[in-house]
Amino acid sequence: MWLFNSSVGRKFVMALTGAFLIVFVTFHCLMNAVAIVWPAAYNSICEFLGANWYALIGSLVIAVFVVLHIVYASILTIQNQKARGKQAYAVSKRPATVEWSSKNMYVLGVVVLAFLAVHLIQFWAKMQLQEVRGVDTEFPPAAGTLFLQLAFEQPWTLIVYAIGFIALWFHLTHGVWSMFQTVGWANDTWYPRLKCIANIVATVIFLGFAAVVVIYFIKSVCPCCAGAC
């Protein structure tokens, strides 16, 4: 099957899984933004996306796409290293502004994956997983804003998330453009536009996630900001 046996097919799978994950990350960013402007609504969303069957199916689908993206990224990286030495993820038209990120996409992906593991431990494992297990915990699994505040009151968490967000920004700036290149849109006319779109998407997602971290860190160290006085 060409999706598995050809380089073009593998790149198509990378683009497809990448597009899905970009949509998911964007949704996740928007959902987190609700925690800033309407905390009660955010907790309601967490309850809606708890251990319900549709949420579990959604989590499984996301996990499958993440695994496929990692597997195909690994295959393509090995192929590129064999063909071009250290020119992994090299493309025919690549300005200096994307040189570093394009050469280090796999490394950036590993950093994002490590960050994802920390994120899952801090939130998913304490929320949806506990609901699935039927375990009584100190805090209700749907108390999303409480888990945000508990997570971001720890300074080391801020450092880990800063590193993760920066790696995600670089990964997206090249990944979004590369996705369009795979389907043949990266010509001389569209390249600057697609690069601009990639930068905008990555920056909006970065700022959205960072805003939640900063605001809930401030709430954790300032009771007045959390509405306690």
Protein backbone atom coordinates (compact mmCIF):
# COMPACT_ATOMS: atom_id res chain seq x y z
CA MET A 1 0.00 0.00 0.00
CA TRP A 2 1.44 3.36 -1.06
CA LEU A 3 0.72 4.98 2.31
CA PHE A 4 3.18 2.60 3.94
CA ASN A 5 5.62 1.72 1.17
CA SER A 6 6.32 5.06 -0.54
CA SER A 7 7.96 8.21 0.75
CA VAL A 8 5.11 10.30 -0.66
CA GLY A 9 2.57 8.15 1.16
CA ARG A 10 4.42 8.46 4.46
CA LYS A 11 4.63 12.22 4.08
CA PHE A 12 0.90 12.30 3.36
CA VAL A 13 0.22 10.40 6.60
CA MET A 14 2.47 12.86 8.44
CA ALA A 15 0.52 15.77 6.95
CA LEU A 16 -2.85 14.16 7.74
CA THR A 17 -2.00 13.29 11.33
CA GLY A 18 -0.31 16.65 11.79
CA ALA A 19 -3.41 18.49 10.53
CA PHE A 20 -5.61 16.56 12.95
CA LEU A 21 -3.29 17.29 15.87
CA ILE A 22 -3.16 20.99 14.97
CA VAL A 23 -6.96 21.10 15.07
CA PHE A 24 -6.94 19.32 18.44
CA VAL A 25 -4.27 21.60 19.92
CA THR A 26 -6.23 24.64 18.71
CA PHE A 27 -9.41 23.30 20.33
CA HIS A 28 -7.51 22.54 23.52
CA CYS A 29 -6.11 26.08 23.54
CA LEU A 30 -9.57 27.59 23.11
CA MET A 31 -10.97 25.34 25.82
CA ASN A 32 -8.23 26.42 28.22
CA ALA A 33 -8.94 30.07 27.41
CA VAL A 34 -12.43 29.54 28.82
CA ALA A 35 -10.77 28.93 32.20
CA ILE A 36 -9.58 32.54 32.13
CA VAL A 37 -12.81 34.30 31.19
CA TRP A 38 -15.39 31.88 32.63
CA PRO A 39 -13.98 29.38 35.17
CA ALA A 40 -17.37 27.80 35.94
CA ALA A 41 -17.93 27.07 32.26
CA TYR A 42 -14.47 25.51 32.05
CA ASN A 43 -15.33 23.13 34.89
CA SER A 44 -18.56 22.25 33.09
CA ILE A 45 -16.54 21.44 29.96
CA CYS A 46 -14.24 19.23 32.06
CA GLU A 47 -17.28 17.40 33.40
CA PHE A 48 -18.70 17.03 29.89
CA LEU A 49 -15.36 15.62 28.68
CA GLY A 50 -14.92 13.28 31.62
CA ALA A 51 -15.39 9.51 31.46
CA ASN A 52 -18.32 9.71 29.06
CA TRP A 53 -18.19 7.31 26.13
CA TYR A 54 -17.74 10.04 23.51
CA ALA A 55 -14.87 11.59 25.46
CA LEU A 56 -13.16 8.21 25.81
CA ILE A 57 -13.51 7.54 22.08
CA GLY A 58 -12.11 11.00 21.39
CA SER A 59 -9.15 10.36 23.69
CA LEU A 60 -8.48 7.05 21.93
CA VAL A 61 -8.61 8.67 18.48
CA ILE A 62 -6.20 11.40 19.60
CA ALA A 63 -3.83 8.79 21.04
CA VAL A 64 -3.89 6.84 17.75
CA PHE A 65 -3.06 9.96 15.74
CA VAL A 66 -0.25 10.89 18.14
CA VAL A 67 1.25 7.40 17.83
CA LEU A 68 0.96 7.43 14.03
CA HIS A 69 2.56 10.87 13.88
CA ILE A 70 5.48 9.73 16.03
CA VAL A 71 5.99 6.47 14.12
CA TYR A 72 5.94 8.13 10.70
CA ALA A 73 8.13 11.00 11.92
CA SER A 74 10.67 8.43 13.09
CA ILE A 75 10.56 6.57 9.76
CA LEU A 76 10.94 9.74 7.70
CA THR A 77 13.74 11.04 9.94
CA ILE A 78 15.70 7.81 9.49
CA GLN A 79 15.14 7.94 5.74
CA ASN A 80 16.24 11.58 5.56
CA GLN A 81 19.35 10.92 7.61
CA LYS A 82 20.32 8.07 5.32
CA ALA A 83 19.70 10.13 2.19
CA ARG A 84 21.06 13.50 3.32
CA GLY A 85 23.13 12.85 6.40
CA LYS A 86 22.09 15.50 8.90
CA GLN A 87 19.69 17.26 6.49
CA ALA A 88 16.59 15.84 8.16
CA TYR A 89 13.30 17.36 7.03
CA ALA A 90 15.16 19.27 4.32
CA VAL A 91 12.99 20.89 1.67
CA SER A 92 13.76 22.43 -1.68
CA LYS A 93 12.71 25.98 -0.78
CA ARG A 94 13.62 26.94 2.74
CA PRO A 95 14.69 30.40 3.90
CA ALA A 96 17.06 30.97 6.78
CA THR A 97 14.18 31.82 9.12
CA VAL A 98 13.03 28.18 9.22
CA GLU A 99 16.45 26.59 8.87
CA TRP A 100 16.88 25.69 12.53
CA SER A 101 13.35 24.43 13.18
CA SER A 102 13.23 22.40 9.97
CA LYS A 103 16.52 20.69 10.78
CA ASN A 104 15.46 19.92 14.34
CA MET A 105 11.83 18.93 13.92
CA TYR A 106 12.38 15.48 15.39
CA VAL A 107 14.24 16.85 18.42
CA LEU A 108 11.51 19.44 18.92
CA GLY A 109 8.96 16.65 18.67
CA VAL A 110 10.74 14.67 21.38
CA VAL A 111 10.70 17.73 23.66
CA VAL A 112 6.98 18.24 22.96
CA LEU A 113 6.36 14.55 23.68
CA ALA A 114 8.18 14.78 27.02
CA PHE A 115 6.15 17.89 27.83
CA LEU A 116 2.97 16.02 26.88
CA ALA A 117 3.88 13.23 29.32
CA VAL A 118 4.17 15.76 32.16
CA HIS A 119 0.89 17.37 31.11
CA LEU A 120 -0.92 14.02 31.09
CA ILE A 121 0.41 13.14 34.54
CA GLN A 122 -0.68 16.48 35.96
CA PHE A 123 -4.15 16.59 34.42
CA TRP A 124 -5.44 13.58 32.48
CA ALA A 125 -4.19 11.06 35.06
CA LYS A 126 -5.91 13.01 37.84
CA MET A 127 -9.13 13.70 35.95
CA GLN A 128 -10.43 11.42 33.20
CA LEU A 129 -8.30 8.43 34.22
CA GLN A 130 -9.55 8.57 37.81
CA GLU A 131 -13.14 8.72 36.58
CA VAL A 132 -12.56 5.68 34.40
CA ARG A 133 -11.07 3.81 37.35
CA GLY A 134 -13.92 4.89 39.60
CA VAL A 135 -11.47 6.02 42.27
CA ASP A 136 -12.51 8.52 44.94
CA THR A 137 -9.99 11.34 45.00
CA GLU A 138 -9.40 14.33 47.25
CA PHE A 139 -10.69 16.69 44.55
CA PRO A 140 -13.51 16.08 42.04
CA PRO A 141 -12.05 15.06 38.65
CA ALA A 142 -14.14 17.75 36.94
CA ALA A 143 -12.64 20.57 39.07
CA GLY A 144 -10.47 21.72 36.19
CA THR A 145 -9.68 25.19 37.49
CA LEU A 146 -8.52 23.73 40.81
CA PHE A 147 -6.12 21.37 39.05
CA LEU A 148 -4.82 24.30 36.99
CA GLN A 149 -4.11 26.30 40.12
CA LEU A 150 -2.48 23.36 41.91
CA ALA A 151 -0.28 22.59 38.92
CA PHE A 152 0.93 26.11 38.24
CA GLU A 153 1.65 27.09 41.82
CA GLN A 154 4.86 25.07 41.51
CA PRO A 155 7.80 27.02 39.97
CA TRP A 156 9.28 23.94 38.29
CA THR A 157 6.02 23.48 36.41
CA LEU A 158 6.37 26.96 34.92
CA ILE A 159 9.84 26.12 33.63
CA VAL A 160 8.72 22.81 32.12
CA TYR A 161 5.71 24.41 30.44
CA ALA A 162 7.79 27.31 29.12
CA ILE A 163 10.18 24.85 27.48
CA GLY A 164 7.27 22.80 26.14
CA PHE A 165 5.45 25.82 24.70
CA ILE A 166 8.58 27.16 23.02
CA ALA A 167 9.30 23.75 21.47
CA LEU A 168 5.66 23.53 20.35
CA TRP A 169 5.88 26.99 18.74
CA PHE A 170 8.94 26.04 16.70
CA HIS A 171 7.42 22.67 15.81
CA LEU A 172 4.23 24.31 14.58
CA THR A 173 5.89 27.11 12.61
CA HIS A 174 7.54 24.55 10.37
CA GLY A 175 4.91 21.80 10.72
CA VAL A 176 1.98 23.90 9.50
CA TRP A 177 3.92 25.08 6.45
CA SER A 178 5.31 21.60 5.76
CA MET A 179 1.78 20.17 5.87
CA PHE A 180 0.73 22.51 3.04
CA GLN A 181 3.92 21.77 1.12
CA THR A 182 3.07 18.07 1.17
CA VAL A 183 -0.17 18.73 -0.72
CA GLY A 184 1.66 20.94 -3.25
CA TRP A 185 0.71 24.43 -2.09
CA ALA A 186 4.24 25.69 -1.33
CA ASN A 187 4.97 27.49 -4.59
CA ASP A 188 6.69 30.87 -4.94
CA THR A 189 3.38 32.72 -4.60
CA TRP A 190 1.93 30.81 -1.67
CA TYR A 191 5.08 30.15 0.33
CA PRO A 192 5.21 33.59 2.06
CA ARG A 193 1.48 33.40 2.78
CA LEU A 194 1.66 29.89 4.21
CA LYS A 195 4.68 30.80 6.30
CA CYS A 196 2.76 33.78 7.66
CA ILE A 197 -0.24 31.57 8.44
CA ALA A 198 2.03 29.06 10.20
CA ASN A 199 3.56 31.81 12.34
CA ILE A 200 0.16 33.23 13.24
CA VAL A 201 -1.30 29.84 14.16
CA ALA A 202 1.75 28.90 16.25
CA THR A 203 1.86 32.27 18.00
CA VAL A 204 -1.86 32.35 18.83
CA ILE A 205 -1.65 28.83 20.30
CA PHE A 206 1.51 29.72 22.21
CA LEU A 207 0.01 32.89 23.68
CA GLY A 208 -3.26 31.13 24.52
CA PHE A 209 -1.56 28.37 26.49
CA ALA A 210 0.94 30.75 28.10
CA ALA A 211 -1.83 33.09 29.26
CA VAL A 212 -3.52 30.28 31.20
CA VAL A 213 -0.25 29.31 32.89
CA VAL A 214 0.62 32.89 33.85
CA ILE A 215 -2.85 33.80 35.10
CA TYR A 216 -3.26 30.64 37.19
CA PHE A 217 0.24 31.05 38.60
CA ILE A 218 -0.71 34.57 39.70
CA LYS A 219 -3.92 33.23 41.23
CA SER A 220 -1.99 30.56 43.13
CA VAL A 221 0.40 33.08 44.73
CA CYS A 222 -2.11 35.89 45.19
CA PRO A 223 -5.34 34.88 46.99
CA CYS A 224 -6.89 38.27 46.19
CA CYS A 225 -6.42 37.60 42.47
CA ALA A 226 -8.19 34.26 42.92
CA GLY A 227 -11.18 36.04 44.40
CA ALA A 228 -10.54 35.08 48.00
CA CYS A 229 -10.86 38.66 49.23
